Amino acid sequence: MRRLLTYLLVSTAFLCIFSSAALAQFREDAFKQNYNDDPADTSSVDVMFSFKNYFRGISHKEEVKPGVVFAGSLLFIGGEQIYNRQYWKLPIFYGGIAASLGSGFYFNNLYKQSVGTEFEVRNKYISNACFIGAGLFYWSSLMDGVYNMKKDEYPVAAKATLYSLLCPGLGQIYNGEAWKLPIYWGGIVAGLHYYNFYGTNYERFRRIYKEAGMEGNTSPITAEQALYYRDIYRRYRDYSILAVAAVYLLQIIDANVFAYMHNFEIDDNLALDVSPTVITPDTKLAASGSLSPAFGLRLGFNF
């Protein structure tokens, strides 16, 4: 459970960093044009975050990009609900987070006092469950805010991106491309599986290596062998995390790009034409007999 809480904290930190910095890379300049007279909203997640712009947005003095509201709400919980004029939801999220955190600290204190007693495991379990509940309330506030932003008939790139940021694969569902879920979820689950497998073996050989020089050790594995396998499994464990991060980032980019290009069509006005042709040499060269006509292919692009 402690490892799970660590993952939640790391994920929250990643959300903060990615939203304020990496999301700025999804620039809207290259996607200003609409394809086939598409009236879809072409808002990007944002080009650059500004606190001034954020606070003017949630005070309804100007309209801001969805990415700005989302990034600001990572720090100021409830900003999205204020921007969406759904003030009645604030007590729910604030109350849920406060109650969960308060209960978590209360039972964590009880756990410390009950170490060695029959209530130790129960108090630890309840404490961890309360902290996880607080994280779920926080995540729900972000998801609710994104869902209620700019309800349009056409996919909004910023919403698709933020959906995938909060829940892998949700951006693909929003874009109507649910068939991609097995690909991305399969990659993430496989990466987590191998992370657990290699991590377990890393801990095993790390323990064997530490115990190799102890008196009474009967392990058939030498310290040198244990050190070798410990480093191998640690390397592959780290590769597994990088693979999960790569798949996670790829599905965010996929959701962003395909939301922009959702109505892009290829018809007879945009085609590649391939046909046979005869290549005729220069008149003077042909008359001298140094070159003769040759057969080839003609490539034509129609726009």
Protein backbone atom coordinates (compact mmCIF):
# COMPACT_ATOMS: atom_id res chain seq x y z
CA MET A 1 0.00 0.00 0.00
CA ARG A 2 2.89 2.34 0.72
CA ARG A 3 4.17 1.73 -2.80
CA LEU A 4 0.73 2.56 -4.20
CA LEU A 5 0.66 5.85 -2.29
CA THR A 6 4.10 6.65 -3.68
CA TYR A 7 2.82 6.03 -7.20
CA LEU A 8 -0.12 8.38 -6.56
CA LEU A 9 2.16 11.16 -5.31
CA VAL A 10 4.52 10.73 -8.26
CA SER A 11 1.58 10.73 -10.66
CA THR A 12 0.22 13.95 -9.15
CA ALA A 13 3.63 15.61 -9.46
CA PHE A 14 3.86 14.41 -13.05
CA LEU A 15 0.46 15.93 -13.79
CA CYS A 16 1.59 19.29 -12.44
CA ILE A 17 4.84 19.29 -14.40
CA PHE A 18 3.36 17.95 -17.62
CA SER A 19 0.36 20.27 -17.61
CA SER A 20 2.28 23.48 -17.09
CA ALA A 21 5.28 22.66 -19.26
CA ALA A 22 4.84 19.76 -21.65
CA LEU A 23 1.30 20.67 -22.62
CA ALA A 24 2.69 23.95 -23.90
CA GLN A 25 4.31 21.97 -26.72
CA PHE A 26 0.91 21.23 -28.26
CA ARG A 27 0.92 24.50 -30.13
CA GLU A 28 -2.12 25.61 -32.05
CA ASP A 29 -0.25 27.63 -34.70
CA ALA A 30 0.20 24.64 -36.99
CA PHE A 31 -3.48 23.77 -36.80
CA LYS A 32 -5.18 27.11 -37.48
CA GLN A 33 -6.70 25.93 -40.74
CA ASN A 34 -9.96 23.98 -40.90
CA TYR A 35 -10.14 21.06 -43.28
CA ASN A 36 -13.18 20.75 -45.54
CA ASP A 37 -14.81 23.81 -43.97
CA ASP A 38 -14.86 22.08 -40.61
CA PRO A 39 -16.49 24.35 -38.00
CA ALA A 40 -14.92 22.46 -35.14
CA ASP A 41 -13.36 24.30 -32.26
CA THR A 42 -9.61 24.39 -32.85
CA SER A 43 -8.55 25.41 -29.37
CA SER A 44 -5.25 24.02 -28.24
CA VAL A 45 -4.43 23.00 -24.69
CA ASP A 46 -2.47 26.23 -24.40
CA VAL A 47 0.68 27.91 -25.58
CA MET A 48 1.83 29.33 -22.27
CA PHE A 49 0.33 29.35 -18.79
CA SER A 50 -0.23 32.66 -17.04
CA PHE A 51 -1.61 33.12 -13.52
CA LYS A 52 -2.99 36.49 -14.55
CA ASN A 53 -4.81 34.91 -17.46
CA TYR A 54 -6.03 32.07 -15.24
CA PHE A 55 -7.49 34.30 -12.54
CA ARG A 56 -9.12 36.57 -15.12
CA GLY A 57 -10.66 33.46 -16.61
CA ILE A 58 -12.15 32.05 -13.41
CA SER A 59 -13.44 35.54 -12.54
CA HIS A 60 -15.20 35.49 -15.93
CA LYS A 61 -13.48 38.64 -17.17
CA GLU A 62 -12.22 36.89 -20.30
CA GLU A 63 -12.40 33.50 -22.01
CA VAL A 64 -9.29 31.38 -21.62
CA LYS A 65 -8.06 28.11 -23.07
CA PRO A 66 -9.10 24.85 -21.38
CA GLY A 67 -5.44 24.02 -20.74
CA VAL A 68 -4.97 27.22 -18.72
CA VAL A 69 -7.95 26.47 -16.49
CA PHE A 70 -6.82 22.87 -16.02
CA ALA A 71 -3.21 23.77 -15.17
CA GLY A 72 -4.32 26.38 -12.65
CA SER A 73 -6.81 23.98 -11.07
CA LEU A 74 -4.01 21.54 -10.34
CA LEU A 75 -2.93 23.99 -7.63
CA PHE A 76 -6.19 25.83 -6.93
CA ILE A 77 -8.74 23.05 -6.52
CA GLY A 78 -12.17 23.97 -7.79
CA GLY A 79 -10.99 26.51 -10.36
CA GLU A 80 -12.60 24.55 -13.18
CA GLN A 81 -15.94 24.44 -11.37
CA ILE A 82 -15.81 28.21 -10.83
CA TYR A 83 -14.97 28.75 -14.50
CA ASN A 84 -17.90 26.51 -15.49
CA ARG A 85 -20.18 28.41 -13.05
CA GLN A 86 -20.95 25.23 -11.11
CA TYR A 87 -20.31 26.65 -7.66
CA TRP A 88 -22.55 24.09 -5.94
CA LYS A 89 -19.91 21.40 -6.59
CA LEU A 90 -17.22 23.16 -4.56
CA PRO A 91 -18.47 21.97 -1.13
CA ILE A 92 -18.56 18.40 -2.45
CA PHE A 93 -14.95 18.32 -3.59
CA TYR A 94 -13.53 20.47 -0.79
CA GLY A 95 -15.53 18.57 1.81
CA GLY A 96 -14.53 15.19 0.36
CA ILE A 97 -10.84 16.06 0.23
CA ALA A 98 -10.82 17.60 3.71
CA ALA A 99 -12.76 14.73 5.28
CA SER A 100 -10.58 12.10 3.62
CA LEU A 101 -7.33 13.80 4.60
CA GLY A 102 -8.53 14.42 8.15
CA SER A 103 -9.60 10.80 8.55
CA GLY A 104 -6.34 9.63 7.02
CA PHE A 105 -4.21 11.60 9.49
CA TYR A 106 -6.44 10.50 12.38
CA PHE A 107 -6.15 6.79 11.61
CA ASN A 108 -2.47 7.16 10.79
CA ASN A 109 -1.95 8.52 14.30
CA LEU A 110 -3.95 5.60 15.70
CA TYR A 111 -1.81 3.22 13.65
CA LYS A 112 1.38 4.60 15.20
CA GLN A 113 -0.08 4.18 18.66
CA SER A 114 -1.33 0.66 17.96
CA VAL A 115 1.89 -0.83 16.57
CA GLY A 116 2.22 -4.34 17.94
CA THR A 117 -1.46 -4.66 18.80
CA GLU A 118 -4.35 -6.37 17.02
CA PHE A 119 -5.53 -3.01 15.62
CA GLU A 120 -2.28 -2.19 13.82
CA VAL A 121 -3.20 -3.66 10.42
CA ARG A 122 -6.76 -2.31 10.53
CA ASN A 123 -5.70 1.26 11.32
CA LYS A 124 -3.00 1.20 8.66
CA TYR A 125 -5.45 -0.08 6.03
CA ILE A 126 -8.07 2.55 6.90
CA SER A 127 -5.47 5.33 6.91
CA ASN A 128 -4.20 4.38 3.46
CA ALA A 129 -7.75 4.03 2.14
CA CYS A 130 -8.59 7.55 3.34
CA PHE A 131 -5.53 9.06 1.65
CA ILE A 132 -6.43 7.26 -1.58
CA GLY A 133 -9.97 8.62 -1.22
CA ALA A 134 -8.60 12.16 -1.00
CA GLY A 135 -6.63 11.57 -4.19
CA LEU A 136 -9.76 10.27 -5.93
CA PHE A 137 -11.74 13.37 -4.91
CA TYR A 138 -8.92 15.54 -6.29
CA TRP A 139 -8.82 13.56 -9.54
CA SER A 140 -12.62 13.69 -9.82
CA SER A 141 -12.61 17.47 -9.50
CA LEU A 142 -10.21 17.72 -12.45
CA MET A 143 -12.15 15.22 -14.56
CA ASP A 144 -15.47 16.91 -13.81
CA GLY A 145 -14.05 20.28 -14.82
CA VAL A 146 -12.71 19.00 -18.13
CA TYR A 147 -15.98 17.21 -18.93
CA ASN A 148 -18.06 20.35 -18.45
CA MET A 149 -15.79 22.63 -20.50
CA LYS A 150 -16.90 23.64 -24.02
CA LYS A 151 -19.56 21.05 -24.75
CA ASP A 152 -19.44 21.08 -28.54
CA GLU A 153 -20.70 18.80 -31.25
CA TYR A 154 -17.18 18.33 -32.57
CA PRO A 155 -14.11 17.01 -30.68
CA VAL A 156 -12.10 19.73 -28.95
CA ALA A 157 -8.37 19.00 -29.03
CA ALA A 158 -7.74 20.39 -25.56
CA LYS A 159 -10.45 18.20 -24.01
CA ALA A 160 -9.17 15.10 -25.79
CA THR A 161 -5.65 15.82 -24.54
CA LEU A 162 -6.72 16.42 -20.95
CA TYR A 163 -8.94 13.34 -20.95
CA SER A 164 -5.95 11.20 -21.95
CA LEU A 165 -3.79 12.95 -19.37
CA LEU A 166 -6.23 12.11 -16.58
CA CYS A 167 -7.18 8.62 -17.76
CA PRO A 168 -5.21 6.79 -20.48
CA GLY A 169 -7.48 5.90 -23.39
CA LEU A 170 -10.29 8.26 -22.46
CA GLY A 171 -9.18 10.74 -25.10
CA GLN A 172 -9.46 8.03 -27.74
CA ILE A 173 -13.01 7.23 -26.59
CA TYR A 174 -13.84 10.93 -26.78
CA ASN A 175 -12.51 11.01 -30.36
CA GLY A 176 -14.61 7.98 -31.30
CA GLU A 177 -11.55 5.72 -31.63
CA ALA A 178 -12.18 3.19 -28.88
CA TRP A 179 -10.54 0.47 -30.99
CA LYS A 180 -7.17 1.92 -29.93
CA LEU A 181 -7.76 1.10 -26.25
CA PRO A 182 -6.36 -2.47 -26.40
CA ILE A 183 -3.17 -1.10 -27.96
CA TYR A 184 -2.44 1.53 -25.32
CA TRP A 185 -3.83 -0.32 -22.33
CA GLY A 186 -2.02 -3.45 -23.45
CA GLY A 187 1.25 -1.52 -23.56
CA ILE A 188 0.69 0.04 -20.14
CA VAL A 189 -0.39 -3.23 -18.48
CA ALA A 190 2.55 -5.09 -20.05
CA GLY A 191 4.97 -2.44 -18.81
CA LEU A 192 3.55 -2.58 -15.29
CA HIS A 193 3.68 -6.38 -15.33
CA TYR A 194 7.35 -6.41 -16.26
CA TYR A 195 8.07 -3.65 -13.76
CA ASN A 196 6.62 -5.86 -11.01
CA PHE A 197 8.46 -8.94 -12.32
CA TYR A 198 11.86 -7.30 -12.64
CA GLY A 199 11.36 -5.31 -9.43
CA THR A 200 10.62 -8.48 -7.45
CA ASN A 201 13.75 -10.19 -8.78
CA TYR A 202 15.81 -7.06 -8.18
CA GLU A 203 14.80 -7.05 -4.52
CA ARG A 204 15.52 -10.77 -4.31
CA PHE A 205 19.09 -10.55 -5.61
CA ARG A 206 19.72 -7.35 -3.67
CA ARG A 207 18.86 -9.24 -0.50
CA ILE A 208 21.04 -12.19 -1.56
CA TYR A 209 23.94 -9.84 -2.25
CA LYS A 210 23.60 -8.18 1.17
CA GLU A 211 23.46 -11.56 2.92
CA ALA A 212 26.33 -13.09 0.92
CA GLY A 213 28.98 -12.08 3.42
CA MET A 214 26.99 -12.91 6.55
CA GLU A 215 27.89 -15.84 8.77
CA GLY A 216 25.69 -18.87 8.28
CA ASN A 217 24.68 -17.95 4.73
CA THR A 218 23.97 -21.14 2.76
CA SER A 219 22.88 -19.61 -0.55
CA PRO A 220 24.46 -21.32 -3.61
CA ILE A 221 24.64 -17.92 -5.35
CA THR A 222 27.91 -16.04 -4.87
CA ALA A 223 28.12 -12.32 -4.17
CA GLU A 224 29.46 -11.66 -7.67
CA GLN A 225 26.56 -13.52 -9.28
CA ALA A 226 24.02 -11.78 -7.06
CA LEU A 227 25.53 -8.38 -7.91
CA TYR A 228 25.38 -9.15 -11.63
CA TYR A 229 21.73 -10.23 -11.58
CA ARG A 230 20.77 -7.40 -9.25
CA ASP A 231 22.06 -4.83 -11.73
CA ILE A 232 20.45 -6.63 -14.69
CA TYR A 233 17.01 -6.74 -13.09
CA ARG A 234 17.29 -3.14 -11.90
CA ARG A 235 18.11 -2.00 -15.43
CA TYR A 236 15.16 -3.85 -16.95
CA ARG A 237 12.88 -2.59 -14.17
CA ASP A 238 13.82 0.97 -15.10
CA TYR A 239 13.28 0.21 -18.79
CA SER A 240 9.77 -1.00 -17.95
CA ILE A 241 8.91 2.32 -16.31
CA LEU A 242 10.28 4.18 -19.34
CA ALA A 243 8.12 1.99 -21.60
CA VAL A 244 4.99 2.80 -19.56
CA ALA A 245 5.80 6.51 -19.68
CA ALA A 246 6.37 6.32 -23.45
CA VAL A 247 3.02 4.60 -24.09
CA TYR A 248 1.28 7.06 -21.76
CA LEU A 249 2.78 10.04 -23.59
CA LEU A 250 2.05 8.51 -27.00
CA GLN A 251 -1.67 8.11 -26.27
CA ILE A 252 -1.84 11.76 -25.15
CA ILE A 253 -0.23 12.90 -28.41
CA ASP A 254 -2.52 10.57 -30.36
CA ALA A 255 -5.63 12.04 -28.73
CA ASN A 256 -4.45 15.59 -29.40
CA VAL A 257 -3.51 15.07 -33.05
CA PHE A 258 -6.55 13.02 -34.06
CA ALA A 259 -8.91 15.48 -32.38
CA TYR A 260 -7.45 18.17 -34.63
CA MET A 261 -7.59 15.97 -37.72
CA HIS A 262 -10.90 14.24 -37.01
CA ASN A 263 -12.62 15.60 -40.13
CA PHE A 264 -9.69 15.41 -42.51
CA GLU A 265 -10.78 13.50 -45.62
CA ILE A 266 -9.00 12.21 -48.70
CA ASP A 267 -11.09 12.37 -51.88
CA ASP A 268 -10.55 12.80 -55.61
CA ASN A 269 -9.20 16.31 -55.03
CA LEU A 270 -6.27 14.90 -53.08
CA ALA A 271 -4.85 11.86 -54.83
CA LEU A 272 -1.73 10.22 -56.23
CA ASP A 273 -1.89 9.32 -59.93
CA VAL A 274 0.56 6.73 -61.32
CA SER A 275 0.61 5.99 -65.07
CA PRO A 276 3.09 4.68 -67.68
CA THR A 277 4.85 7.20 -69.91
CA VAL A 278 7.53 7.46 -72.62
CA ILE A 279 10.57 9.54 -71.80
CA THR A 280 11.69 11.34 -74.95
CA PRO A 281 15.32 12.58 -75.04
CA ASP A 282 16.44 15.95 -76.29
CA THR A 283 15.91 16.41 -80.06
CA LYS A 284 19.63 16.89 -80.86
CA LEU A 285 20.66 13.88 -78.77
CA ALA A 286 17.96 11.75 -80.36
CA ALA A 287 19.09 12.79 -83.87
CA SER A 288 22.69 11.87 -83.10
CA GLY A 289 21.56 8.44 -82.01
CA SER A 290 23.29 8.71 -78.61
CA LEU A 291 20.00 8.34 -76.75
CA SER A 292 16.73 6.65 -77.56
CA PRO A 293 13.23 6.95 -76.04
CA ALA A 294 12.70 5.05 -72.76
CA PHE A 295 9.68 3.79 -70.89
CA GLY A 296 8.92 4.87 -67.30
CA LEU A 297 6.25 5.83 -64.79
CA ARG A 298 4.67 9.23 -64.29
CA LEU A 299 3.73 10.32 -60.76
CA GLY A 300 1.15 13.06 -60.37
CA PHE A 301 -0.20 14.69 -57.23
CA ASN A 302 -3.63 16.31 -57.30
CA PHE A 303 -4.50 18.89 -54.63
